[in-house]
Amino acid sequence: MKIAFVGVGAVGGYFGGRMVERGLDVVFLARPQTARALRDGGLRIESILGDCSIARPNVCGDPAAAAPVDIVFLAVKAYQVTAAAAFAAPAAGANTTVIPLQNGVDAPQAAAAALGQERVLGGLSRIFSERVATGRIRHSDIRPSIAFGEIAGGISERVERIAAHLEPTAGMDVQTSADIVTDMWKKLMLVATLGAVGAAARAPVGVVRSIPSPRLLLQAVAGEIAAVGRARGAKIPPDLPASCLKVFDKLIPETTASMHRDLARGLPSELNEQVGAVIRYGDAAGVATPALDALHAALLPGELRARGEIGFDDIPA
């Protein structure tokens, strides 16, 4: 199988690099500036599971030249999925399968608009990593994994075939899901909770989990996301929000979520695609989300400034 990655950052750089290391046929579809940096400097992964260095990754700036690919992994930020899917479209053939790996629950629908619903699976990644420079990825906590499945549910032949092709790959696990929609909501409970509370507190998980009031806020936010997910059909057990705290308790104390890091650095984040999406779905379903409403309101000015929509120095009196 020929595999394409769109996005060579913390997610795509890590998983794509591990697949190259395994010897799989991987091409990175990248814009010209990123493509030049990868060709000149290669791809390097610094990981608690062992480092990896790819001196000459296969990089293509023209997706049509890579066509047809069998699998396209979309590994960009959630707000970039529509553009990334359109960019990747010329690489797709009649039997291409597309697997989005974003946080949130809207990426499959966004990808389908450009690439066709029949091509798109639901997908997610579990990893704590960051791009420290173009082509330089640092992985710091938990064993990375990807999971994917049919949006309608069940384990199809193509899901099994893709999983068999990817396994085993060092430094990562591959999981199939019979209910990927529920799994996407479960992941959103973790990343949006840690990202929003950590960003508002301006503190890593070791701090927010150790102080009673922010710890209670973590559980409240997870509970609101679970309630909205259930209203959307996700099968989330009643005790899962409390279990999120057990996950947070096992993380390295310095751990932060990507949304937190982006907001702290003054960069656009997935605030609207994570917290904002849950609020919108909650409003539509009549499910109250007071903790998320407050966190979104507190973090929104920084998000708007990062996107260039407002400036803090020229606000009218």
C-alpha atoms as a PDB file:
ATOM      1  CA  MET A   1       0.000   0.000   0.000  1.00  0.00           C
ATOM      2  CA  LYS A   2       1.126   3.529  -0.729  1.00  0.00           C
ATOM      3  CA  ILE A   3       0.522   5.825   2.240  1.00  0.00           C
ATOM      4  CA  ALA A   4       0.341   9.626   2.139  1.00  0.00           C
ATOM      5  CA  PHE A   5       0.525  11.991   5.090  1.00  0.00           C
ATOM      6  CA  VAL A   6      -0.756  15.548   4.907  1.00  0.00           C
ATOM      7  CA  GLY A   7       0.822  17.296   7.861  1.00  0.00           C
ATOM      8  CA  VAL A   8       4.362  16.610   9.083  1.00  0.00           C
ATOM      9  CA  GLY A   9       3.989  18.071  12.562  1.00  0.00           C
ATOM     10  CA  ALA A  10       3.643  16.527  15.995  1.00  0.00           C
ATOM     11  CA  VAL A  11       1.216  13.846  14.756  1.00  0.00           C
ATOM     12  CA  GLY A  12       2.016  13.285  11.085  1.00  0.00           C
ATOM     13  CA  GLY A  13       5.751  13.619  11.573  1.00  0.00           C
ATOM     14  CA  TYR A  14       5.743  11.055  14.360  1.00  0.00           C
ATOM     15  CA  PHE A  15       3.475   8.382  12.883  1.00  0.00           C
ATOM     16  CA  GLY A  16       4.679   8.913   9.330  1.00  0.00           C
ATOM     17  CA  GLY A  17       8.285   8.716  10.473  1.00  0.00           C
ATOM     18  CA  ARG A  18       7.641   5.483  12.356  1.00  0.00           C
ATOM     19  CA  MET A  19       6.035   3.967   9.259  1.00  0.00           C
ATOM     20  CA  VAL A  20       9.028   4.971   7.128  1.00  0.00           C
ATOM     21  CA  GLU A  21      11.312   3.437   9.742  1.00  0.00           C
ATOM     22  CA  ARG A  22       9.290   0.220   9.434  1.00  0.00           C
ATOM     23  CA  GLY A  23       9.911   0.225   5.657  1.00  0.00           C
ATOM     24  CA  LEU A  24       6.401   1.147   4.505  1.00  0.00           C
ATOM     25  CA  ASP A  25       5.874   3.165   1.316  1.00  0.00           C
ATOM     26  CA  VAL A  26       5.153   6.652   2.707  1.00  0.00           C
ATOM     27  CA  VAL A  27       5.008  10.004   0.935  1.00  0.00           C
ATOM     28  CA  PHE A  28       4.609  13.313   2.764  1.00  0.00           C
ATOM     29  CA  LEU A  29       2.431  15.743   0.812  1.00  0.00           C
ATOM     30  CA  ALA A  30       3.709  19.161   1.816  1.00  0.00           C
ATOM     31  CA  ARG A  31       3.671  22.799   0.774  1.00  0.00           C
ATOM     32  CA  PRO A  32       6.885  24.076  -0.862  1.00  0.00           C
ATOM     33  CA  GLN A  33       8.490  25.607   2.245  1.00  0.00           C
ATOM     34  CA  THR A  34       7.932  22.499   4.355  1.00  0.00           C
ATOM     35  CA  ALA A  35       9.007  20.221   1.502  1.00  0.00           C
ATOM     36  CA  ARG A  36      12.311  22.092   1.126  1.00  0.00           C
ATOM     37  CA  ALA A  37      13.016  21.927   4.861  1.00  0.00           C
ATOM     38  CA  LEU A  38      12.381  18.160   4.945  1.00  0.00           C
ATOM     39  CA  ARG A  39      14.551  17.512   1.903  1.00  0.00           C
ATOM     40  CA  ASP A  40      17.381  19.602   3.329  1.00  0.00           C
ATOM     41  CA  GLY A  41      17.217  18.553   6.983  1.00  0.00           C
ATOM     42  CA  GLY A  42      15.365  15.245   6.999  1.00  0.00           C
ATOM     43  CA  LEU A  43      12.900  14.092   9.653  1.00  0.00           C
ATOM     44  CA  ARG A  44      14.012  13.384  13.212  1.00  0.00           C
ATOM     45  CA  ILE A  45      11.970  11.998  16.097  1.00  0.00           C
ATOM     46  CA  GLU A  46      13.119  12.270  19.702  1.00  0.00           C
ATOM     47  CA  SER A  47      11.078   9.802  21.726  1.00  0.00           C
ATOM     48  CA  ILE A  48      10.931   8.059  25.092  1.00  0.00           C
ATOM     49  CA  LEU A  49      10.467   4.885  23.010  1.00  0.00           C
ATOM     50  CA  GLY A  50      13.624   5.410  20.997  1.00  0.00           C
ATOM     51  CA  ASP A  51      14.763   8.048  18.541  1.00  0.00           C
ATOM     52  CA  CYS A  52      14.286   7.823  14.791  1.00  0.00           C
ATOM     53  CA  SER A  53      16.027   9.669  11.966  1.00  0.00           C
ATOM     54  CA  ILE A  54      14.952   9.697   8.306  1.00  0.00           C
ATOM     55  CA  ALA A  55      17.670  11.398   6.279  1.00  0.00           C
ATOM     56  CA  ARG A  56      15.740  11.641   3.022  1.00  0.00           C
ATOM     57  CA  PRO A  57      11.982  11.341   3.518  1.00  0.00           C
ATOM     58  CA  ASN A  58       9.879  11.018   0.387  1.00  0.00           C
ATOM     59  CA  VAL A  59       8.332  14.470   0.077  1.00  0.00           C
ATOM     60  CA  CYS A  60       6.028  15.599  -2.715  1.00  0.00           C
ATOM     61  CA  GLY A  61       4.775  19.136  -3.227  1.00  0.00           C
ATOM     62  CA  ASP A  62       2.393  18.132  -6.042  1.00  0.00           C
ATOM     63  CA  PRO A  63      -0.219  15.619  -4.798  1.00  0.00           C
ATOM     64  CA  ALA A  64      -1.168  14.697  -8.360  1.00  0.00           C
ATOM     65  CA  ALA A  65       2.377  13.413  -8.903  1.00  0.00           C
ATOM     66  CA  ALA A  66       1.928  10.959  -6.014  1.00  0.00           C
ATOM     67  CA  ALA A  67      -1.369   9.557  -7.298  1.00  0.00           C
ATOM     68  CA  PRO A  68      -2.858   7.145  -6.717  1.00  0.00           C
ATOM     69  CA  VAL A  69      -2.279   6.538  -3.023  1.00  0.00           C
ATOM     70  CA  ASP A  70      -4.081   3.845  -1.057  1.00  0.00           C
ATOM     71  CA  ILE A  71      -4.314   5.628   2.306  1.00  0.00           C
ATOM     72  CA  VAL A  72      -4.300   9.331   3.117  1.00  0.00           C
ATOM     73  CA  PHE A  73      -3.719  10.300   6.738  1.00  0.00           C
ATOM     74  CA  LEU A  74      -4.829  13.869   7.471  1.00  0.00           C
ATOM     75  CA  ALA A  75      -2.565  14.971  10.328  1.00  0.00           C
ATOM     76  CA  VAL A  76      -3.115  18.727  10.407  1.00  0.00           C
ATOM     77  CA  LYS A  77      -4.874  20.892  12.982  1.00  0.00           C
ATOM     78  CA  ALA A  78      -8.640  20.480  13.094  1.00  0.00           C
ATOM     79  CA  TYR A  79      -9.255  23.920  11.607  1.00  0.00           C
ATOM     80  CA  GLN A  80      -7.048  22.992   8.617  1.00  0.00           C
ATOM     81  CA  VAL A  81      -8.868  19.803   7.591  1.00  0.00           C
ATOM     82  CA  THR A  82     -10.979  21.323   4.816  1.00  0.00           C
ATOM     83  CA  ALA A  83      -7.948  22.888   3.132  1.00  0.00           C
ATOM     84  CA  ALA A  84      -5.794  19.789   3.698  1.00  0.00           C
ATOM     85  CA  ALA A  85      -8.408  17.489   2.170  1.00  0.00           C
ATOM     86  CA  ALA A  86      -8.705  19.721  -0.904  1.00  0.00           C
ATOM     87  CA  PHE A  87      -4.896  19.797  -1.202  1.00  0.00           C
ATOM     88  CA  ALA A  88      -4.714  15.982  -1.014  1.00  0.00           C
ATOM     89  CA  ALA A  89      -7.598  15.337  -3.421  1.00  0.00           C
ATOM     90  CA  PRO A  90      -5.437  15.024  -6.585  1.00  0.00           C
ATOM     91  CA  ALA A  91      -3.532  12.146  -4.957  1.00  0.00           C
ATOM     92  CA  ALA A  92      -6.683  10.091  -4.406  1.00  0.00           C
ATOM     93  CA  GLY A  93      -7.671   7.212  -6.658  1.00  0.00           C
ATOM     94  CA  ALA A  94     -10.835   5.193  -6.958  1.00  0.00           C
ATOM     95  CA  ASN A  95      -9.982   3.018  -3.949  1.00  0.00           C
ATOM     96  CA  THR A  96      -8.254   5.530  -1.681  1.00  0.00           C
ATOM     97  CA  THR A  97      -9.174   5.517   2.010  1.00  0.00           C
ATOM     98  CA  VAL A  98      -8.872   8.729   4.020  1.00  0.00           C
ATOM     99  CA  ILE A  99      -8.209   8.651   7.773  1.00  0.00           C
ATOM    100  CA  PRO A 100      -8.384  11.959   9.695  1.00  0.00           C
ATOM    101  CA  LEU A 101      -6.386  11.983  12.952  1.00  0.00           C
ATOM    102  CA  GLN A 102      -7.651  15.230  14.450  1.00  0.00           C
ATOM    103  CA  ASN A 103      -8.893  16.118  17.896  1.00  0.00           C
ATOM    104  CA  GLY A 104     -12.627  16.744  17.938  1.00  0.00           C
ATOM    105  CA  VAL A 105     -15.453  14.987  16.117  1.00  0.00           C
ATOM    106  CA  ASP A 106     -16.010  17.015  12.937  1.00  0.00           C
ATOM    107  CA  ALA A 107     -12.970  16.075  10.822  1.00  0.00           C
ATOM    108  CA  PRO A 108     -14.573  13.150   8.912  1.00  0.00           C
ATOM    109  CA  GLN A 109     -17.409  15.363   7.723  1.00  0.00           C
ATOM    110  CA  ALA A 110     -14.995  18.121   6.690  1.00  0.00           C
ATOM    111  CA  ALA A 111     -12.771  15.656   4.823  1.00  0.00           C
ATOM    112  CA  ALA A 112     -15.752  14.064   3.069  1.00  0.00           C
ATOM    113  CA  ALA A 113     -16.763  17.406   1.568  1.00  0.00           C
ATOM    114  CA  ALA A 114     -13.572  17.421  -0.521  1.00  0.00           C
ATOM    115  CA  LEU A 115     -12.811  13.719  -0.920  1.00  0.00           C
ATOM    116  CA  GLY A 116     -16.179  11.941  -0.840  1.00  0.00           C
ATOM    117  CA  GLN A 117     -18.003  10.294   2.043  1.00  0.00           C
ATOM    118  CA  GLU A 118     -17.321   6.769   0.790  1.00  0.00           C
ATOM    119  CA  ARG A 119     -13.562   7.261   1.142  1.00  0.00           C
ATOM    120  CA  VAL A 120     -13.505   8.592   4.704  1.00  0.00           C
ATOM    121  CA  LEU A 121     -13.133   6.660   7.935  1.00  0.00           C
ATOM    122  CA  GLY A 122     -13.307   8.055  11.430  1.00  0.00           C
ATOM    123  CA  GLY A 123      -9.932   8.206  13.102  1.00  0.00           C
ATOM    124  CA  LEU A 124      -7.931   9.543  16.007  1.00  0.00           C
ATOM    125  CA  SER A 125      -4.451   9.525  17.454  1.00  0.00           C
ATOM    126  CA  ARG A 126      -3.296   9.240  21.039  1.00  0.00           C
ATOM    127  CA  ILE A 127       0.046  10.911  21.572  1.00  0.00           C
ATOM    128  CA  PHE A 128       1.759  13.640  23.572  1.00  0.00           C
ATOM    129  CA  SER A 129       4.243  15.194  21.185  1.00  0.00           C
ATOM    130  CA  GLU A 130       5.173  18.535  19.717  1.00  0.00           C
ATOM    131  CA  ARG A 131       6.904  19.904  16.655  1.00  0.00           C
ATOM    132  CA  VAL A 132       9.930  21.792  17.942  1.00  0.00           C
ATOM    133  CA  ALA A 133      10.997  22.782  14.407  1.00  0.00           C
ATOM    134  CA  THR A 134      10.144  21.715  10.868  1.00  0.00           C
ATOM    135  CA  GLY A 135      11.040  18.049  10.658  1.00  0.00           C
ATOM    136  CA  ARG A 136      11.852  17.813  14.390  1.00  0.00           C
ATOM    137  CA  ILE A 137       9.332  15.975  16.590  1.00  0.00           C
ATOM    138  CA  ARG A 138       9.566  15.409  20.345  1.00  0.00           C
ATOM    139  CA  HIS A 139       7.440  12.671  21.942  1.00  0.00           C
ATOM    140  CA  SER A 140       7.259  12.840  25.734  1.00  0.00           C
ATOM    141  CA  ASP A 141       4.496  10.710  27.284  1.00  0.00           C
ATOM    142  CA  ILE A 142       2.254   7.619  26.791  1.00  0.00           C
ATOM    143  CA  ARG A 143       2.695   5.049  24.044  1.00  0.00           C
ATOM    144  CA  PRO A 144       1.404   6.573  20.784  1.00  0.00           C
ATOM    145  CA  SER A 145      -1.429   4.896  18.910  1.00  0.00           C
ATOM    146  CA  ILE A 146      -3.839   5.468  16.075  1.00  0.00           C
ATOM    147  CA  ALA A 147      -7.368   4.093  15.847  1.00  0.00           C
ATOM    148  CA  PHE A 148      -9.828   4.081  12.974  1.00  0.00           C
ATOM    149  CA  GLY A 149     -13.135   2.599  11.925  1.00  0.00           C
ATOM    150  CA  GLU A 150     -16.216   3.017   9.788  1.00  0.00           C
ATOM    151  CA  ILE A 151     -18.404   5.978  10.735  1.00  0.00           C
ATOM    152  CA  ALA A 152     -21.457   3.715  10.550  1.00  0.00           C
ATOM    153  CA  GLY A 153     -19.844   1.273  12.976  1.00  0.00           C
ATOM    154  CA  GLY A 154     -18.554  -2.268  12.759  1.00  0.00           C
ATOM    155  CA  ILE A 155     -15.213  -3.607  11.522  1.00  0.00           C
ATOM    156  CA  SER A 156     -15.126  -3.666   7.734  1.00  0.00           C
ATOM    157  CA  GLU A 157     -12.788  -5.593   5.453  1.00  0.00           C
ATOM    158  CA  ARG A 158     -10.920  -2.432   4.490  1.00  0.00           C
ATOM    159  CA  VAL A 159     -10.371  -1.494   8.137  1.00  0.00           C
ATOM    160  CA  GLU A 160      -8.941  -4.943   8.846  1.00  0.00           C
ATOM    161  CA  ARG A 161      -6.782  -4.805   5.708  1.00  0.00           C
ATOM    162  CA  ILE A 162      -5.293  -1.415   6.582  1.00  0.00           C
ATOM    163  CA  ALA A 163      -4.604  -2.446  10.175  1.00  0.00           C
ATOM    164  CA  ALA A 164      -2.887  -5.641   9.035  1.00  0.00           C
ATOM    165  CA  HIS A 165      -0.664  -3.654   6.682  1.00  0.00           C
ATOM    166  CA  LEU A 166       0.403  -1.194   9.390  1.00  0.00           C
ATOM    167  CA  GLU A 167       1.103  -3.754  12.113  1.00  0.00           C
ATOM    168  CA  PRO A 168       3.531  -4.154  13.705  1.00  0.00           C
ATOM    169  CA  THR A 169       5.261  -0.763  13.593  1.00  0.00           C
ATOM    170  CA  ALA A 170       7.798   0.143  16.268  1.00  0.00           C
ATOM    171  CA  GLY A 171       6.950   3.031  18.556  1.00  0.00           C
ATOM    172  CA  MET A 172       3.195   2.952  17.941  1.00  0.00           C
ATOM    173  CA  ASP A 173       0.085   0.803  18.195  1.00  0.00           C
ATOM    174  CA  VAL A 174      -2.647   0.376  15.588  1.00  0.00           C
ATOM    175  CA  GLN A 175      -6.218  -0.197  16.754  1.00  0.00           C
ATOM    176  CA  THR A 176      -9.454  -0.876  14.908  1.00  0.00           C
ATOM    177  CA  SER A 177     -12.698   0.476  16.318  1.00  0.00           C
ATOM    178  CA  ALA A 178     -16.206  -0.887  15.943  1.00  0.00           C
ATOM    179  CA  ASP A 179     -17.584   2.425  17.289  1.00  0.00           C
ATOM    180  CA  ILE A 180     -15.175   5.132  16.223  1.00  0.00           C
ATOM    181  CA  VAL A 181     -17.681   7.929  16.863  1.00  0.00           C
ATOM    182  CA  THR A 182     -17.845   7.018  20.554  1.00  0.00           C
ATOM    183  CA  ASP A 183     -14.062   6.694  20.669  1.00  0.00           C
ATOM    184  CA  MET A 184     -13.656  10.162  19.142  1.00  0.00           C
ATOM    185  CA  TRP A 185     -15.924  11.626  21.816  1.00  0.00           C
ATOM    186  CA  LYS A 186     -14.000   9.792  24.543  1.00  0.00           C
ATOM    187  CA  LYS A 187     -10.741  11.233  23.288  1.00  0.00           C
ATOM    188  CA  LEU A 188     -12.300  14.691  23.072  1.00  0.00           C
ATOM    189  CA  MET A 189     -13.203  14.378  26.763  1.00  0.00           C
ATOM    190  CA  LEU A 190      -9.512  14.059  27.580  1.00  0.00           C
ATOM    191  CA  VAL A 191      -7.874  16.553  25.229  1.00  0.00           C
ATOM    192  CA  ALA A 192     -10.478  19.320  25.443  1.00  0.00           C
ATOM    193  CA  THR A 193     -10.698  19.047  29.225  1.00  0.00           C
ATOM    194  CA  LEU A 194      -6.942  19.160  29.768  1.00  0.00           C
ATOM    195  CA  GLY A 195      -6.442  21.779  27.061  1.00  0.00           C
ATOM    196  CA  ALA A 196      -9.128  24.200  28.221  1.00  0.00           C
ATOM    197  CA  VAL A 197      -8.505  23.927  31.959  1.00  0.00           C
ATOM    198  CA  GLY A 198      -4.726  23.946  31.542  1.00  0.00           C
ATOM    199  CA  ALA A 199      -4.825  26.968  29.240  1.00  0.00           C
ATOM    200  CA  ALA A 200      -7.129  28.918  31.551  1.00  0.00           C
ATOM    201  CA  ALA A 201      -4.994  28.043  34.584  1.00  0.00           C
ATOM    202  CA  ARG A 202      -1.785  28.604  32.597  1.00  0.00           C
ATOM    203  CA  ALA A 203      -0.417  25.518  34.301  1.00  0.00           C
ATOM    204  CA  PRO A 204       0.554  21.937  33.352  1.00  0.00           C
ATOM    205  CA  VAL A 205      -1.386  18.877  34.429  1.00  0.00           C
ATOM    206  CA  GLY A 206       0.739  18.327  37.542  1.00  0.00           C
ATOM    207  CA  VAL A 207      -0.485  21.645  38.930  1.00  0.00           C
ATOM    208  CA  VAL A 208      -4.159  21.580  37.935  1.00  0.00           C
ATOM    209  CA  ARG A 209      -4.702  18.032  39.181  1.00  0.00           C
ATOM    210  CA  SER A 210      -3.144  18.769  42.573  1.00  0.00           C
ATOM    211  CA  ILE A 211      -5.259  21.787  43.580  1.00  0.00           C
ATOM    212  CA  PRO A 212      -8.843  20.944  44.648  1.00  0.00           C
ATOM    213  CA  SER A 213     -10.789  23.583  42.695  1.00  0.00           C
ATOM    214  CA  PRO A 214      -9.144  23.099  39.282  1.00  0.00           C
ATOM    215  CA  ARG A 215      -9.305  19.341  39.849  1.00  0.00           C
ATOM    216  CA  LEU A 216     -13.065  19.638  40.321  1.00  0.00           C
ATOM    217  CA  LEU A 217     -13.190  21.766  37.169  1.00  0.00           C
ATOM    218  CA  LEU A 218     -11.446  19.002  35.212  1.00  0.00           C
ATOM    219  CA  GLN A 219     -14.171  16.558  36.257  1.00  0.00           C
ATOM    220  CA  ALA A 220     -16.980  19.048  35.576  1.00  0.00           C
ATOM    221  CA  VAL A 221     -15.741  19.773  32.051  1.00  0.00           C
ATOM    222  CA  ALA A 222     -15.314  16.067  31.278  1.00  0.00           C
ATOM    223  CA  GLY A 223     -18.861  15.492  32.523  1.00  0.00           C
ATOM    224  CA  GLU A 224     -20.281  18.180  30.245  1.00  0.00           C
ATOM    225  CA  ILE A 225     -18.502  16.747  27.202  1.00  0.00           C
ATOM    226  CA  ALA A 226     -19.782  13.274  28.077  1.00  0.00           C
ATOM    227  CA  ALA A 227     -23.359  14.566  28.373  1.00  0.00           C
ATOM    228  CA  VAL A 228     -23.198  16.273  24.983  1.00  0.00           C
ATOM    229  CA  GLY A 229     -21.580  13.211  23.426  1.00  0.00           C
ATOM    230  CA  ARG A 230     -24.381  11.005  24.710  1.00  0.00           C
ATOM    231  CA  ALA A 231     -26.916  13.418  23.220  1.00  0.00           C
ATOM    232  CA  ARG A 232     -25.100  12.937  19.897  1.00  0.00           C
ATOM    233  CA  GLY A 233     -25.324   9.137  20.173  1.00  0.00           C
ATOM    234  CA  ALA A 234     -21.940   8.334  21.722  1.00  0.00           C
ATOM    235  CA  LYS A 235     -21.977   5.421  24.176  1.00  0.00           C
ATOM    236  CA  ILE A 236     -20.134   7.006  27.106  1.00  0.00           C
ATOM    237  CA  PRO A 237     -20.428   5.185  30.470  1.00  0.00           C
ATOM    238  CA  PRO A 238     -21.605   7.294  33.437  1.00  0.00           C
ATOM    239  CA  ASP A 239     -18.355   6.745  35.352  1.00  0.00           C
ATOM    240  CA  LEU A 240     -16.040   7.768  32.508  1.00  0.00           C
ATOM    241  CA  PRO A 241     -15.714  11.483  33.409  1.00  0.00           C
ATOM    242  CA  ALA A 242     -14.394  10.546  36.849  1.00  0.00           C
ATOM    243  CA  SER A 243     -12.045   8.055  35.213  1.00  0.00           C
ATOM    244  CA  CYS A 244     -10.502  10.894  33.198  1.00  0.00           C
ATOM    245  CA  LEU A 245      -8.897  12.102  36.410  1.00  0.00           C
ATOM    246  CA  LYS A 246      -7.145   8.747  36.771  1.00  0.00           C
ATOM    247  CA  VAL A 247      -5.682   9.260  33.302  1.00  0.00           C
ATOM    248  CA  PHE A 248      -4.517  12.775  34.188  1.00  0.00           C
ATOM    249  CA  ASP A 249      -2.990  11.474  37.421  1.00  0.00           C
ATOM    250  CA  LYS A 250      -0.704   9.133  35.438  1.00  0.00           C
ATOM    251  CA  LEU A 251       0.669  11.804  33.094  1.00  0.00           C
ATOM    252  CA  ILE A 252       4.088  13.371  33.507  1.00  0.00           C
ATOM    253  CA  PRO A 253       3.533  16.492  35.687  1.00  0.00           C
ATOM    254  CA  GLU A 254       4.870  18.841  32.984  1.00  0.00           C
ATOM    255  CA  THR A 255       2.382  17.577  30.387  1.00  0.00           C
ATOM    256  CA  THR A 256       0.248  20.128  28.522  1.00  0.00           C
ATOM    257  CA  ALA A 257      -2.249  19.696  25.694  1.00  0.00           C
ATOM    258  CA  SER A 258      -1.592  21.137  22.235  1.00  0.00           C
ATOM    259  CA  MET A 259      -4.432  23.659  22.566  1.00  0.00           C
ATOM    260  CA  HIS A 260      -2.862  24.963  25.779  1.00  0.00           C
ATOM    261  CA  ARG A 261       0.591  25.244  24.164  1.00  0.00           C
ATOM    262  CA  ASP A 262      -0.762  27.024  21.090  1.00  0.00           C
ATOM    263  CA  LEU A 263      -2.697  29.580  23.123  1.00  0.00           C
ATOM    264  CA  ALA A 264       0.280  30.172  25.421  1.00  0.00           C
ATOM    265  CA  ARG A 265       2.479  30.866  22.396  1.00  0.00           C
ATOM    266  CA  GLY A 266      -0.022  33.237  20.813  1.00  0.00           C
ATOM    267  CA  LEU A 267      -0.788  30.803  17.980  1.00  0.00           C
ATOM    268  CA  PRO A 268      -4.169  29.796  16.538  1.00  0.00           C
ATOM    269  CA  SER A 269      -5.509  26.790  18.429  1.00  0.00           C
ATOM    270  CA  GLU A 270      -8.320  24.247  18.219  1.00  0.00           C
ATOM    271  CA  LEU A 271     -10.410  26.112  20.800  1.00  0.00           C
ATOM    272  CA  ASN A 272     -13.372  26.447  18.451  1.00  0.00           C
ATOM    273  CA  GLU A 273     -13.044  22.912  17.082  1.00  0.00           C
ATOM    274  CA  GLN A 274     -12.854  21.342  20.541  1.00  0.00           C
ATOM    275  CA  VAL A 275     -14.573  23.473  23.201  1.00  0.00           C
ATOM    276  CA  GLY A 276     -16.621  25.505  20.735  1.00  0.00           C
ATOM    277  CA  ALA A 277     -17.907  22.402  18.953  1.00  0.00           C
ATOM    278  CA  VAL A 278     -19.110  20.819  22.190  1.00  0.00           C
ATOM    279  CA  ILE A 279     -20.898  24.037  23.136  1.00  0.00           C
ATOM    280  CA  ARG A 280     -22.597  24.219  19.732  1.00  0.00           C
ATOM    281  CA  TYR A 281     -23.710  20.592  19.890  1.00  0.00           C
ATOM    282  CA  GLY A 282     -24.884  21.101  23.459  1.00  0.00           C
ATOM    283  CA  ASP A 283     -26.955  24.128  22.470  1.00  0.00           C
ATOM    284  CA  ALA A 284     -28.549  22.159  19.624  1.00  0.00           C
ATOM    285  CA  ALA A 285     -29.400  19.255  21.937  1.00  0.00           C
ATOM    286  CA  GLY A 286     -30.527  21.357  24.884  1.00  0.00           C
ATOM    287  CA  VAL A 287     -27.615  20.186  27.075  1.00  0.00           C
ATOM    288  CA  ALA A 288     -26.190  22.893  29.340  1.00  0.00           C
ATOM    289  CA  THR A 289     -22.393  23.393  29.367  1.00  0.00           C
ATOM    290  CA  PRO A 290     -21.758  26.171  31.917  1.00  0.00           C
ATOM    291  CA  ALA A 291     -18.134  25.254  32.680  1.00  0.00           C
ATOM    292  CA  LEU A 292     -17.241  25.023  29.005  1.00  0.00           C
ATOM    293  CA  ASP A 293     -19.093  28.278  28.287  1.00  0.00           C
ATOM    294  CA  ALA A 294     -16.986  30.079  30.889  1.00  0.00           C
ATOM    295  CA  LEU A 295     -13.707  28.569  29.715  1.00  0.00           C
ATOM    296  CA  HIS A 296     -14.459  29.359  26.077  1.00  0.00           C
ATOM    297  CA  ALA A 297     -15.295  32.956  26.947  1.00  0.00           C
ATOM    298  CA  ALA A 298     -12.070  33.317  28.954  1.00  0.00           C
ATOM    299  CA  LEU A 299      -9.874  31.863  26.204  1.00  0.00           C
ATOM    300  CA  LEU A 300     -11.590  33.397  23.171  1.00  0.00           C
ATOM    301  CA  PRO A 301      -9.870  36.824  23.242  1.00  0.00           C
ATOM    302  CA  GLY A 302      -6.445  35.184  23.012  1.00  0.00           C
ATOM    303  CA  GLU A 303      -7.662  32.972  20.191  1.00  0.00           C
ATOM    304  CA  LEU A 304      -9.044  35.930  18.241  1.00  0.00           C
ATOM    305  CA  ARG A 305      -5.784  37.833  18.711  1.00  0.00           C
ATOM    306  CA  ALA A 306      -3.786  34.821  17.501  1.00  0.00           C
ATOM    307  CA  ARG A 307      -5.937  34.684  14.378  1.00  0.00           C
ATOM    308  CA  GLY A 308      -5.431  38.392  13.720  1.00  0.00           C
ATOM    309  CA  GLU A 309      -9.099  39.226  14.211  1.00  0.00           C
ATOM    310  CA  ILE A 310      -8.507  41.642  17.093  1.00  0.00           C
ATOM    311  CA  GLY A 311      -5.581  43.476  18.624  1.00  0.00           C
ATOM    312  CA  PHE A 312      -5.212  44.259  22.298  1.00  0.00           C
ATOM    313  CA  ASP A 313      -3.598  47.654  21.682  1.00  0.00           C
ATOM    314  CA  ASP A 314      -6.335  49.234  19.598  1.00  0.00           C
ATOM    315  CA  ILE A 315      -9.569  48.331  21.376  1.00  0.00           C
ATOM    316  CA  PRO A 316     -11.979  51.332  21.354  1.00  0.00           C
ATOM    317  CA  ALA A 317     -12.614  52.946  24.719  1.00  0.00           C
END
